[in-house]
Amino acid sequence: MFDRIDPDKFATLIEINTLINSNYGDATSLLTQILESATRLTEGEASSLVLKNEEDGKLYFEIALGPKGRDVKKFSLNPGEGIAGWVAEHGQSLIVNDVETDSRFYGDISKSIGFPTYSILAVPMLVRDRCVGVLEILNKRGMKYFTQSDLQWLEIFAVQAAIAIENARYLEKAKEEIGYLRDQISSDQGYHLLIAESPDILEKLDLIDRVAKTDSSVLILGESGVGKELFAEQVHLKSPRKNKPFIRVNCAALPEGLLESELFGHVKGAFTDAVQNRRGRFELADGGTIFLDEIGDLPLKLQAKLLRVLQQKTFERVGSSDTVSVDVRIVAATNRDIDTLVKKGEFRNDLYYRLNVLPIYVPALRQRKEDIPALADFFLKKFCRETKKQMNGFTDSAMELMLSYSWPGNVRELENAIERAVVIAKEKTIGARDLLIGGSGPEHDEFRGKSLREALNLFKKHFIATALEENQWKQTETARVLDIQRTYLSRLIKELSIASTKE
């Protein structure tokens, strides 16, 4: 073994072992420190920590130190290629003090970056006899030869690095599992995870932190598909009412007669099908929060009744004259232009002012592109779990496409695109064509052979039909999203023969 224990080397090993066994959160920093120490104690000029990809067997430069470290990280090695590839394949350490005489040496990287390599010390990082990567030291200072002692010390550092890698992978897997279980629990309770990276959304969440502590009404505005319901959930979850019910109602999903009964309940005999007393959503939400989605579609008659609940916290069930009192916070949302509805007399002015105490505008996805990579990664993991497929992420071209696309359907459209891509992708990495957006998909072959006029009309037909679908075929809302006149949209629908898929 060692003729004499070097105090400096021994102290370094103790220090790294302490870090490995503590709650050290940053695996990359720890591995860098291990490699720096190994390089210093073996007197190397440069070094690298190369990890093996289990899918394709390739070796990737995870950490590279030395004058050309940044350039080295751009390269990868095929299975068995170079000194590092041989070490990974055979699970054996190597000292090569004259690389020019060794047929295993792969000199293309050295030539490409302009860093001459004379000698290499390389050892495998083993986890349960399985090689996960290689530690490599290049060129011992002073043109000296690497020794057996250097090799033995590097093997010890390789053991430490392997432990750090294994711990990091277990930690990452545990975090994913915990996150998934937390999502499942939240999902069972009706709540969703809100992914936010952009300054705009982080600012909205900061506003919600302050708004949630009050009992004032909140009006959430934004296009269809931006996630207004998730922001409503955050208002509730961050409020003193978080342990009480959070009740959701889509005001556009039910006709007026049923909606009144759904909101306020009814008594037996109030109408033909009222065979027993029934509590409404406001009573169910007592002490908690009620979320009124698509509030812009609430009929005028019910607007008056809602205003009374806001002002007096009382109402009557359908068919009853008895007053019911409730303590409910109202969070409303709409993708419609409420100001325009008020001017046209379709929405009560007094109700609007009572709801609009604390307005929150959620920007469209195209206005907060910083969220796209995080959302895409979240949806990818979600659908990989559901489909039991293993995907490695997105190609650069796929990510560029997602960042450049306008996403008229917002987050909902992104989620659908990722789900579709996971299902149809043939490779382990999702490519641009798998997303089927922005002209990237095979269905756009229908444009071939068309004149420019025909292709433009075909594009307009697809584009407008998609926008109509995203806005439930409401032409006023679709025209606003497309920034065109309602009459012009109607004319285009006729000229291009656009029909609802439900027809």
Protein backbone atom coordinates (compact mmCIF):
# COMPACT_ATOMS: atom_id res chain seq x y z
CA MET A 1 0.00 0.00 0.00
CA PHE A 2 1.55 3.31 1.11
CA ASP A 3 5.08 3.58 2.48
CA ARG A 4 4.11 6.62 4.53
CA ILE A 5 0.77 8.40 5.03
CA ASP A 6 1.00 11.96 3.73
CA PRO A 7 -0.66 14.24 6.37
CA ASP A 8 -1.94 16.62 3.71
CA LYS A 9 -3.57 13.82 1.73
CA PHE A 10 -5.02 12.21 4.84
CA ALA A 11 -6.51 15.52 6.03
CA THR A 12 -8.07 16.04 2.59
CA LEU A 13 -9.69 12.60 2.69
CA ILE A 14 -11.14 13.26 6.15
CA GLU A 15 -12.51 16.62 5.00
CA ILE A 16 -14.22 15.15 1.93
CA ASN A 17 -15.62 12.19 3.89
CA THR A 18 -17.10 14.64 6.39
CA LEU A 19 -18.81 16.51 3.56
CA ILE A 20 -20.14 13.30 2.00
CA ASN A 21 -21.62 12.15 5.32
CA SER A 22 -23.15 15.53 6.16
CA ASN A 23 -26.27 17.05 4.61
CA TYR A 24 -24.31 18.35 1.64
CA GLY A 25 -26.95 19.49 -0.87
CA ASP A 26 -24.86 20.48 -3.88
CA ALA A 27 -23.46 17.30 -5.47
CA THR A 28 -21.69 19.19 -8.26
CA SER A 29 -19.76 21.33 -5.78
CA LEU A 30 -18.79 18.26 -3.78
CA LEU A 31 -17.61 16.37 -6.88
CA THR A 32 -15.66 19.44 -8.02
CA GLN A 33 -13.96 19.61 -4.65
CA ILE A 34 -13.08 15.90 -4.83
CA LEU A 35 -11.58 16.36 -8.30
CA GLU A 36 -9.70 19.52 -7.28
CA SER A 37 -8.19 17.69 -4.31
CA ALA A 38 -7.27 14.66 -6.41
CA THR A 39 -5.63 16.89 -9.03
CA ARG A 40 -3.65 18.82 -6.43
CA LEU A 41 -2.46 15.76 -4.51
CA THR A 42 -1.39 13.85 -7.64
CA GLU A 43 0.23 17.04 -9.04
CA GLY A 44 -1.78 16.98 -12.27
CA GLU A 45 -2.05 19.88 -14.72
CA ALA A 46 -5.66 19.11 -15.70
CA SER A 47 -8.36 16.63 -14.81
CA SER A 48 -11.89 15.51 -15.57
CA LEU A 49 -14.74 13.59 -14.03
CA VAL A 50 -16.47 11.62 -16.76
CA LEU A 51 -19.91 10.07 -16.21
CA LYS A 52 -21.33 7.11 -18.08
CA ASN A 53 -24.78 7.39 -19.66
CA GLU A 54 -26.65 4.18 -18.90
CA GLU A 55 -28.85 4.51 -21.99
CA ASP A 56 -26.21 4.71 -24.73
CA GLY A 57 -22.99 3.88 -22.84
CA LYS A 58 -21.37 7.17 -23.88
CA LEU A 59 -19.07 9.08 -21.53
CA TYR A 60 -19.82 12.75 -20.83
CA PHE A 61 -17.47 15.26 -19.21
CA GLU A 62 -19.40 16.31 -16.12
CA ILE A 63 -16.53 18.32 -14.58
CA ALA A 64 -13.30 19.38 -16.25
CA LEU A 65 -10.53 21.35 -14.54
CA GLY A 66 -7.47 22.99 -16.03
CA PRO A 67 -6.69 25.68 -18.63
CA LYS A 68 -9.04 24.13 -21.23
CA GLY A 69 -11.68 22.76 -18.86
CA ARG A 70 -14.58 24.68 -20.39
CA ASP A 71 -13.69 23.48 -23.92
CA VAL A 72 -13.38 19.85 -22.84
CA LYS A 73 -16.99 19.75 -21.57
CA LYS A 74 -18.27 20.12 -25.15
CA PHE A 75 -17.02 16.62 -26.05
CA SER A 76 -18.18 13.08 -25.33
CA LEU A 77 -16.64 9.63 -25.81
CA ASN A 78 -18.22 6.60 -27.41
CA PRO A 79 -18.22 3.32 -25.43
CA GLY A 80 -14.64 2.03 -25.14
CA GLU A 81 -13.14 5.11 -26.80
CA GLY A 82 -9.90 6.54 -25.42
CA ILE A 83 -8.15 5.77 -22.14
CA ALA A 84 -11.25 6.77 -20.15
CA GLY A 85 -13.47 4.59 -22.37
CA TRP A 86 -11.19 1.57 -21.85
CA VAL A 87 -11.15 2.09 -18.07
CA ALA A 88 -14.96 2.41 -17.96
CA GLU A 89 -15.43 -0.69 -20.12
CA HIS A 90 -12.99 -2.90 -18.19
CA GLY A 91 -13.45 -1.42 -14.69
CA GLN A 92 -9.65 -1.28 -14.26
CA SER A 93 -7.27 1.57 -13.41
CA LEU A 94 -4.52 2.69 -15.79
CA ILE A 95 -1.24 4.61 -15.67
CA VAL A 96 -0.10 5.71 -19.12
CA ASN A 97 3.06 7.81 -18.82
CA ASP A 98 3.61 8.08 -22.58
CA VAL A 99 0.29 8.35 -24.36
CA GLU A 100 1.85 8.40 -27.85
CA THR A 101 2.94 4.78 -27.43
CA ASP A 102 -0.48 3.57 -26.25
CA SER A 103 -2.99 2.58 -28.97
CA ARG A 104 -5.89 3.25 -26.61
CA PHE A 105 -5.15 6.98 -26.47
CA TYR A 106 -7.69 9.15 -28.32
CA GLY A 107 -5.91 12.39 -29.21
CA ASP A 108 -8.61 14.22 -31.16
CA ILE A 109 -9.86 16.15 -28.11
CA SER A 110 -6.38 17.34 -27.15
CA LYS A 111 -5.76 18.52 -30.72
CA SER A 112 -9.14 20.25 -30.97
CA ILE A 113 -8.65 22.30 -27.80
CA GLY A 114 -4.92 22.85 -28.19
CA PHE A 115 -3.89 21.11 -24.96
CA PRO A 116 -0.99 18.65 -25.42
CA THR A 117 -1.36 15.45 -23.37
CA TYR A 118 1.72 13.48 -22.34
CA SER A 119 0.56 11.23 -19.53
CA ILE A 120 -2.77 10.05 -18.09
CA LEU A 121 -3.82 8.55 -14.80
CA ALA A 122 -7.37 7.11 -14.94
CA VAL A 123 -9.44 5.09 -12.46
CA PRO A 124 -13.04 3.83 -12.59
CA MET A 125 -15.76 5.04 -10.21
CA LEU A 126 -17.50 1.83 -9.13
CA VAL A 127 -20.87 1.40 -7.45
CA ARG A 128 -21.54 -2.25 -6.55
CA ASP A 129 -19.04 -3.39 -9.19
CA ARG A 130 -20.77 -1.25 -11.82
CA CYS A 131 -18.76 1.56 -13.41
CA VAL A 132 -20.61 4.88 -13.29
CA GLY A 133 -17.73 7.01 -14.57
CA VAL A 134 -14.02 7.71 -14.60
CA LEU A 135 -11.65 10.07 -12.77
CA GLU A 136 -8.83 11.17 -15.08
CA ILE A 137 -5.68 13.20 -14.30
CA LEU A 138 -3.59 14.60 -17.15
CA ASN A 139 0.14 15.49 -17.23
CA LYS A 140 1.98 15.32 -13.92
CA ARG A 141 3.66 18.68 -13.29
CA GLY A 142 7.35 19.01 -14.15
CA MET A 143 7.02 16.33 -16.86
CA LYS A 144 7.21 13.70 -14.10
CA TYR A 145 5.70 10.21 -14.30
CA PHE A 146 2.59 9.19 -12.39
CA THR A 147 3.39 6.56 -9.75
CA GLN A 148 1.58 3.63 -8.13
CA SER A 149 1.14 5.81 -5.07
CA ASP A 150 -0.67 8.41 -7.21
CA LEU A 151 -2.87 5.66 -8.60
CA GLN A 152 -3.75 4.31 -5.15
CA TRP A 153 -4.70 7.78 -3.88
CA LEU A 154 -6.79 8.47 -6.97
CA GLU A 155 -8.63 5.17 -6.47
CA ILE A 156 -9.57 6.33 -2.97
CA PHE A 157 -10.83 9.62 -4.37
CA ALA A 158 -12.78 7.64 -6.99
CA VAL A 159 -14.52 5.70 -4.21
CA GLN A 160 -15.47 8.99 -2.58
CA ALA A 161 -16.75 10.38 -5.88
CA ALA A 162 -18.79 7.23 -6.51
CA ILE A 163 -20.40 7.51 -3.07
CA ALA A 164 -21.21 11.18 -3.72
CA ILE A 165 -22.76 10.32 -7.10
CA GLU A 166 -24.82 7.49 -5.64
CA ASN A 167 -26.04 9.70 -2.78
CA ALA A 168 -26.94 12.47 -5.24
CA ARG A 169 -28.93 10.05 -7.40
CA TYR A 170 -30.77 8.61 -4.42
CA LEU A 171 -31.52 12.13 -3.21
CA GLU A 172 -32.78 13.19 -6.65
CA LYS A 173 -34.96 10.09 -6.90
CA ALA A 174 -36.29 10.63 -3.38
CA LYS A 175 -37.12 14.26 -4.15
CA GLU A 176 -38.95 13.21 -7.30
CA GLU A 177 -40.92 10.55 -5.43
CA ILE A 178 -41.75 12.93 -2.58
CA GLY A 179 -42.78 15.59 -5.09
CA TYR A 180 -44.93 13.07 -6.94
CA LEU A 181 -46.60 11.88 -3.74
CA ARG A 182 -47.18 15.49 -2.68
CA ASP A 183 -48.74 16.19 -6.06
CA GLN A 184 -50.93 13.11 -5.71
CA ILE A 185 -52.10 14.17 -2.26
CA SER A 186 -52.78 17.71 -3.49
CA SER A 187 -54.52 16.30 -6.57
CA ASP A 188 -56.77 14.14 -4.39
CA GLN A 189 -57.76 17.31 -2.55
CA GLY A 190 -58.33 19.12 -5.83
CA TYR A 191 -55.16 21.22 -5.73
CA HIS A 192 -52.46 21.54 -8.38
CA LEU A 193 -48.76 22.36 -8.35
CA LEU A 194 -48.00 25.86 -9.65
CA ILE A 195 -44.73 26.04 -11.63
CA ALA A 196 -43.17 29.52 -11.75
CA GLU A 197 -39.79 30.81 -12.92
CA SER A 198 -40.62 34.10 -14.66
CA PRO A 199 -40.37 37.41 -12.77
CA ASP A 200 -43.97 38.27 -13.73
CA ILE A 201 -45.45 35.15 -12.14
CA LEU A 202 -43.17 35.32 -9.09
CA GLU A 203 -44.38 38.90 -8.64
CA LYS A 204 -48.02 37.68 -8.82
CA LEU A 205 -47.31 35.03 -6.21
CA ASP A 206 -45.75 37.64 -3.95
CA LEU A 207 -48.92 39.73 -4.38
CA ILE A 208 -51.05 36.69 -3.53
CA ASP A 209 -49.05 36.20 -0.31
CA ARG A 210 -50.24 39.64 0.78
CA VAL A 211 -53.74 39.44 -0.67
CA ALA A 212 -54.49 36.01 0.82
CA LYS A 213 -54.34 37.25 4.41
CA THR A 214 -57.44 39.43 3.91
CA ASP A 215 -61.07 38.44 3.30
CA SER A 216 -61.52 40.82 0.36
CA SER A 217 -62.82 39.49 -2.96
CA VAL A 218 -60.25 38.70 -5.65
CA LEU A 219 -60.80 38.94 -9.41
CA ILE A 220 -58.34 36.93 -11.54
CA LEU A 221 -58.08 38.01 -15.16
CA GLY A 222 -56.29 36.40 -18.09
CA GLU A 223 -56.67 34.44 -21.30
CA SER A 224 -58.12 30.95 -21.43
CA GLY A 225 -55.59 28.30 -20.40
CA VAL A 226 -53.19 30.51 -18.41
CA GLY A 227 -53.96 28.72 -15.13
CA LYS A 228 -56.32 31.12 -13.35
CA GLU A 229 -57.71 28.31 -11.21
CA LEU A 230 -54.21 27.55 -9.89
CA PHE A 231 -53.87 31.15 -8.73
CA ALA A 232 -57.28 30.93 -7.06
CA GLU A 233 -56.06 27.82 -5.23
CA GLN A 234 -52.98 29.73 -4.06
CA VAL A 235 -55.18 32.52 -2.64
CA HIS A 236 -57.05 29.90 -0.61
CA LEU A 237 -54.04 27.82 0.45
CA LYS A 238 -52.16 30.89 1.70
CA SER A 239 -55.14 32.29 3.59
CA PRO A 240 -56.37 31.67 7.16
CA ARG A 241 -59.20 29.66 5.50
CA LYS A 242 -56.83 27.02 4.10
CA ASN A 243 -58.18 24.25 6.36
CA LYS A 244 -61.76 24.98 5.30
CA PRO A 245 -63.46 24.01 2.01
CA PHE A 246 -62.36 25.31 -1.39
CA ILE A 247 -65.39 25.00 -3.68
CA ARG A 248 -65.17 25.45 -7.46
CA VAL A 249 -67.99 26.49 -9.79
CA ASN A 250 -67.78 27.01 -13.56
CA CYS A 251 -70.44 29.62 -14.27
CA ALA A 252 -70.36 28.90 -18.01
CA ALA A 253 -70.89 25.14 -17.67
CA LEU A 254 -74.55 25.18 -16.52
CA PRO A 255 -77.75 26.84 -17.78
CA GLU A 256 -79.21 29.64 -15.64
CA GLY A 257 -81.88 27.53 -13.88
CA LEU A 258 -79.46 24.83 -12.80
CA LEU A 259 -76.73 27.32 -11.95
CA GLU A 260 -78.91 29.14 -9.42
CA SER A 261 -79.71 25.86 -7.68
CA GLU A 262 -76.05 24.81 -7.88
CA LEU A 263 -74.88 28.04 -6.23
CA PHE A 264 -77.60 28.62 -3.66
CA GLY A 265 -79.34 25.27 -3.25
CA HIS A 266 -83.06 24.54 -3.34
CA VAL A 267 -85.89 23.16 -1.21
CA LYS A 268 -88.06 20.16 -1.95
CA GLY A 269 -90.72 20.97 -4.55
CA ALA A 270 -88.99 24.15 -5.80
CA PHE A 271 -89.15 22.70 -9.33
CA THR A 272 -90.05 19.41 -11.01
CA ASP A 273 -86.88 17.47 -10.17
CA ALA A 274 -86.45 18.94 -6.67
CA VAL A 275 -87.37 15.78 -4.75
CA GLN A 276 -85.46 16.81 -1.62
CA ASN A 277 -83.72 19.77 -0.02
CA ARG A 278 -80.26 20.45 -1.41
CA ARG A 279 -77.45 22.63 -0.11
CA GLY A 280 -75.76 24.87 -2.67
CA ARG A 281 -72.09 25.55 -3.24
CA PHE A 282 -72.12 28.67 -1.05
CA GLU A 283 -73.31 26.65 1.95
CA LEU A 284 -70.75 23.95 1.23
CA ALA A 285 -68.03 26.64 1.16
CA ASP A 286 -69.05 28.15 4.53
CA GLY A 287 -65.90 29.19 6.39
CA GLY A 288 -63.79 28.67 3.30
CA THR A 289 -63.45 29.98 -0.25
CA ILE A 290 -65.66 29.71 -3.33
CA PHE A 291 -64.06 30.01 -6.75
CA LEU A 292 -66.40 31.32 -9.45
CA ASP A 293 -64.77 30.61 -12.79
CA GLU A 294 -66.02 32.31 -15.96
CA ILE A 295 -67.82 34.93 -13.86
CA GLY A 296 -68.36 37.00 -17.01
CA ASP A 297 -70.95 34.42 -18.14
CA LEU A 298 -73.07 34.76 -14.97
CA PRO A 299 -76.65 35.79 -15.91
CA LEU A 300 -77.83 39.24 -14.72
CA LYS A 301 -80.46 37.73 -12.39
CA LEU A 302 -77.82 35.73 -10.53
CA GLN A 303 -75.48 38.71 -10.51
CA ALA A 304 -77.98 40.52 -8.27
CA LYS A 305 -78.13 37.55 -5.90
CA LEU A 306 -74.34 37.27 -5.84
CA LEU A 307 -74.05 40.98 -5.03
CA ARG A 308 -76.26 40.44 -1.98
CA VAL A 309 -74.02 37.60 -0.79
CA LEU A 310 -71.02 39.90 -1.12
CA GLN A 311 -72.70 42.75 0.75
CA GLN A 312 -74.76 40.96 3.39
CA LYS A 313 -73.43 37.37 3.33
CA THR A 314 -77.02 36.10 3.07
CA PHE A 315 -79.25 34.51 0.42
CA GLU A 316 -82.33 32.29 -0.01
CA ARG A 317 -82.39 28.82 -1.50
CA VAL A 318 -84.45 28.40 -4.67
CA GLY A 319 -88.12 28.01 -3.66
CA SER A 320 -87.60 29.23 -0.08
CA SER A 321 -88.01 32.54 1.72
CA ASP A 322 -85.80 31.54 4.63
CA THR A 323 -82.54 33.45 4.83
CA VAL A 324 -79.27 31.52 4.94
CA SER A 325 -76.12 33.17 6.30
CA VAL A 326 -72.64 32.17 5.17
CA ASP A 327 -69.06 33.27 5.78
CA VAL A 328 -67.41 32.76 2.39
CA ARG A 329 -64.57 34.46 0.58
CA ILE A 330 -65.21 34.91 -3.14
CA VAL A 331 -62.48 34.48 -5.73
CA ALA A 332 -63.72 35.03 -9.28
CA ALA A 333 -62.02 34.61 -12.65
CA THR A 334 -62.75 35.40 -16.27
CA ASN A 335 -61.05 35.52 -19.66
CA ARG A 336 -63.58 38.11 -20.88
CA ASP A 337 -63.24 41.89 -21.00
CA ILE A 338 -65.35 42.85 -17.97
CA ASP A 339 -65.03 46.58 -18.65
CA THR A 340 -66.65 46.08 -22.05
CA LEU A 341 -69.39 43.89 -20.56
CA VAL A 342 -70.15 46.62 -17.98
CA LYS A 343 -70.37 49.29 -20.68
CA LYS A 344 -72.75 47.10 -22.71
CA GLY A 345 -74.93 46.47 -19.65
CA GLU A 346 -74.18 42.74 -19.61
CA PHE A 347 -72.44 42.85 -16.25
CA ARG A 348 -73.55 44.84 -13.21
CA ASN A 349 -71.34 47.82 -12.47
CA ASP A 350 -71.82 47.52 -8.68
CA LEU A 351 -70.98 43.80 -8.70
CA TYR A 352 -67.87 44.44 -10.79
CA TYR A 353 -66.56 46.97 -8.25
CA ARG A 354 -67.25 44.60 -5.34
CA LEU A 355 -65.44 41.72 -7.08
CA ASN A 356 -62.58 43.86 -8.37
CA VAL A 357 -61.27 44.86 -4.93
CA LEU A 358 -58.04 42.96 -5.47
CA PRO A 359 -57.48 42.29 -9.20
CA ILE A 360 -54.75 39.88 -10.36
CA TYR A 361 -53.87 39.67 -14.06
CA VAL A 362 -52.20 36.44 -15.14
CA PRO A 363 -50.07 37.05 -18.27
CA ALA A 364 -50.24 34.74 -21.27
CA LEU A 365 -47.54 32.08 -21.65
CA ARG A 366 -46.01 33.93 -24.63
CA GLN A 367 -45.40 36.87 -22.23
CA ARG A 368 -43.54 34.74 -19.66
CA LYS A 369 -41.32 32.44 -21.66
CA GLU A 370 -39.03 31.84 -18.69
CA ASP A 371 -41.73 29.46 -17.41
CA ILE A 372 -41.74 27.29 -20.55
CA PRO A 373 -38.65 25.09 -19.81
CA ALA A 374 -39.79 24.43 -16.23
CA LEU A 375 -43.37 23.69 -17.29
CA ALA A 376 -42.21 21.46 -20.14
CA ASP A 377 -39.98 19.48 -17.78
CA PHE A 378 -42.82 19.14 -15.25
CA PHE A 379 -45.29 17.89 -17.87
CA LEU A 380 -42.67 15.55 -19.35
CA LYS A 381 -42.09 13.86 -15.98
CA LYS A 382 -45.84 13.71 -15.35
CA PHE A 383 -46.65 11.97 -18.62
CA CYS A 384 -43.59 9.71 -18.45
CA ARG A 385 -44.96 8.41 -15.13
CA GLU A 386 -48.43 7.97 -16.59
CA THR A 387 -47.25 6.22 -19.77
CA LYS A 388 -44.39 4.38 -18.05
CA LYS A 389 -41.97 5.64 -20.72
CA GLN A 390 -38.40 6.77 -20.05
CA MET A 391 -37.55 10.07 -21.75
CA ASN A 392 -34.29 12.03 -21.40
CA GLY A 393 -35.70 15.49 -22.07
CA PHE A 394 -35.90 17.71 -25.16
CA THR A 395 -33.54 18.36 -28.04
CA ASP A 396 -32.23 21.90 -28.44
CA SER A 397 -34.42 22.38 -31.51
CA ALA A 398 -37.52 21.24 -29.58
CA MET A 399 -36.80 23.71 -26.78
CA GLU A 400 -36.12 26.50 -29.29
CA LEU A 401 -39.45 25.74 -30.97
CA MET A 402 -41.32 25.84 -27.67
CA LEU A 403 -39.69 29.15 -26.77
CA SER A 404 -40.46 30.74 -30.14
CA TYR A 405 -44.05 29.44 -30.48
CA SER A 406 -46.85 31.84 -29.48
CA TRP A 407 -48.95 29.27 -27.55
CA PRO A 408 -52.44 30.67 -28.28
CA GLY A 409 -53.84 28.00 -25.95
CA ASN A 410 -51.34 28.93 -23.22
CA VAL A 411 -50.30 26.40 -20.55
CA ARG A 412 -53.15 24.05 -21.44
CA GLU A 413 -51.88 23.82 -25.02
CA LEU A 414 -48.30 23.23 -23.83
CA GLU A 415 -49.49 20.40 -21.58
CA ASN A 416 -51.41 18.79 -24.44
CA ALA A 417 -48.39 19.13 -26.77
CA ILE A 418 -46.05 17.44 -24.26
CA GLU A 419 -48.51 14.61 -23.60
CA ARG A 420 -48.87 14.00 -27.34
CA ALA A 421 -45.09 14.11 -27.83
CA VAL A 422 -44.47 11.56 -25.06
CA VAL A 423 -46.97 9.20 -26.67
CA ILE A 424 -45.69 9.45 -30.26
CA ALA A 425 -41.93 10.00 -29.77
CA LYS A 426 -39.80 7.17 -31.13
CA GLU A 427 -36.53 8.35 -29.59
CA LYS A 428 -35.59 8.76 -25.95
CA THR A 429 -35.35 12.53 -26.42
CA ILE A 430 -38.33 14.57 -27.65
CA GLY A 431 -37.58 16.37 -30.90
CA ALA A 432 -39.23 19.37 -32.54
CA ARG A 433 -41.34 17.22 -34.87
CA ASP A 434 -42.75 15.25 -31.94
CA LEU A 435 -44.41 18.41 -30.58
CA LEU A 436 -46.62 18.93 -33.66
CA ILE A 437 -46.73 22.69 -33.19
CA GLY A 438 -45.75 25.69 -35.29
CA GLY A 439 -45.49 23.75 -38.53
CA SER A 440 -43.14 21.14 -37.04
CA GLY A 441 -45.40 18.14 -37.40
CA PRO A 442 -45.97 15.73 -40.27
CA GLU A 443 -49.56 16.94 -40.72
CA HIS A 444 -48.14 20.08 -42.30
CA ASP A 445 -47.21 18.02 -45.36
CA GLU A 446 -50.65 19.04 -46.63
CA PHE A 447 -49.13 22.41 -47.58
CA ARG A 448 -46.89 20.77 -50.18
CA GLY A 449 -47.90 21.33 -53.77
CA LYS A 450 -50.15 24.24 -52.86
CA SER A 451 -49.93 27.74 -54.27
CA LEU A 452 -48.99 30.50 -51.84
CA ARG A 453 -52.61 31.69 -51.71
CA GLU A 454 -53.91 28.15 -51.05
CA ALA A 455 -51.26 27.53 -48.35
CA LEU A 456 -52.05 30.83 -46.62
CA ASN A 457 -55.78 30.05 -46.59
CA LEU A 458 -55.07 26.57 -45.24
CA PHE A 459 -52.85 28.00 -42.51
CA LYS A 460 -55.50 30.60 -41.59
CA LYS A 461 -58.14 27.88 -41.41
CA HIS A 462 -56.07 25.74 -39.02
CA PHE A 463 -54.96 28.73 -36.94
CA ILE A 464 -58.45 30.20 -36.52
CA ALA A 465 -60.04 26.79 -35.85
CA THR A 466 -57.48 26.16 -33.08
CA ALA A 467 -58.17 29.57 -31.52
CA LEU A 468 -61.93 28.93 -31.67
CA GLU A 469 -61.48 25.54 -29.98
CA GLU A 470 -59.36 27.11 -27.23
CA ASN A 471 -62.12 29.68 -26.57
CA GLN A 472 -65.04 27.22 -26.67
CA TRP A 473 -66.14 28.63 -30.06
CA LYS A 474 -67.02 31.99 -28.53
CA GLN A 475 -66.41 34.31 -31.45
CA THR A 476 -66.20 37.51 -29.42
CA GLU A 477 -63.51 36.10 -27.17
CA THR A 478 -61.65 34.51 -30.09
CA ALA A 479 -61.65 37.79 -32.01
CA ARG A 480 -60.20 39.55 -28.96
CA VAL A 481 -57.43 36.95 -28.60
CA LEU A 482 -56.61 37.17 -32.33
CA ASP A 483 -56.82 40.98 -32.17
CA ILE A 484 -59.29 41.24 -35.06
CA GLN A 485 -62.85 42.53 -35.40
CA ARG A 486 -65.68 40.17 -34.47
CA THR A 487 -67.36 40.75 -37.87
CA TYR A 488 -64.10 39.96 -39.71
CA LEU A 489 -63.73 36.70 -37.78
CA SER A 490 -67.30 35.74 -38.69
CA ARG A 491 -66.59 36.41 -42.35
CA LEU A 492 -63.40 34.32 -42.25
CA ILE A 493 -65.27 31.41 -40.67
CA LYS A 494 -67.72 31.43 -43.59
CA GLU A 495 -65.13 32.03 -46.32
CA LEU A 496 -62.79 29.29 -45.04
CA SER A 497 -65.63 26.86 -44.25
CA ILE A 498 -64.52 26.43 -40.63
CA ALA A 499 -66.86 24.15 -38.71
CA SER A 500 -66.83 23.01 -35.10
CA THR A 501 -65.69 19.42 -34.58
CA LYS A 502 -68.84 18.93 -32.50
CA GLU A 503 -71.08 19.70 -35.49
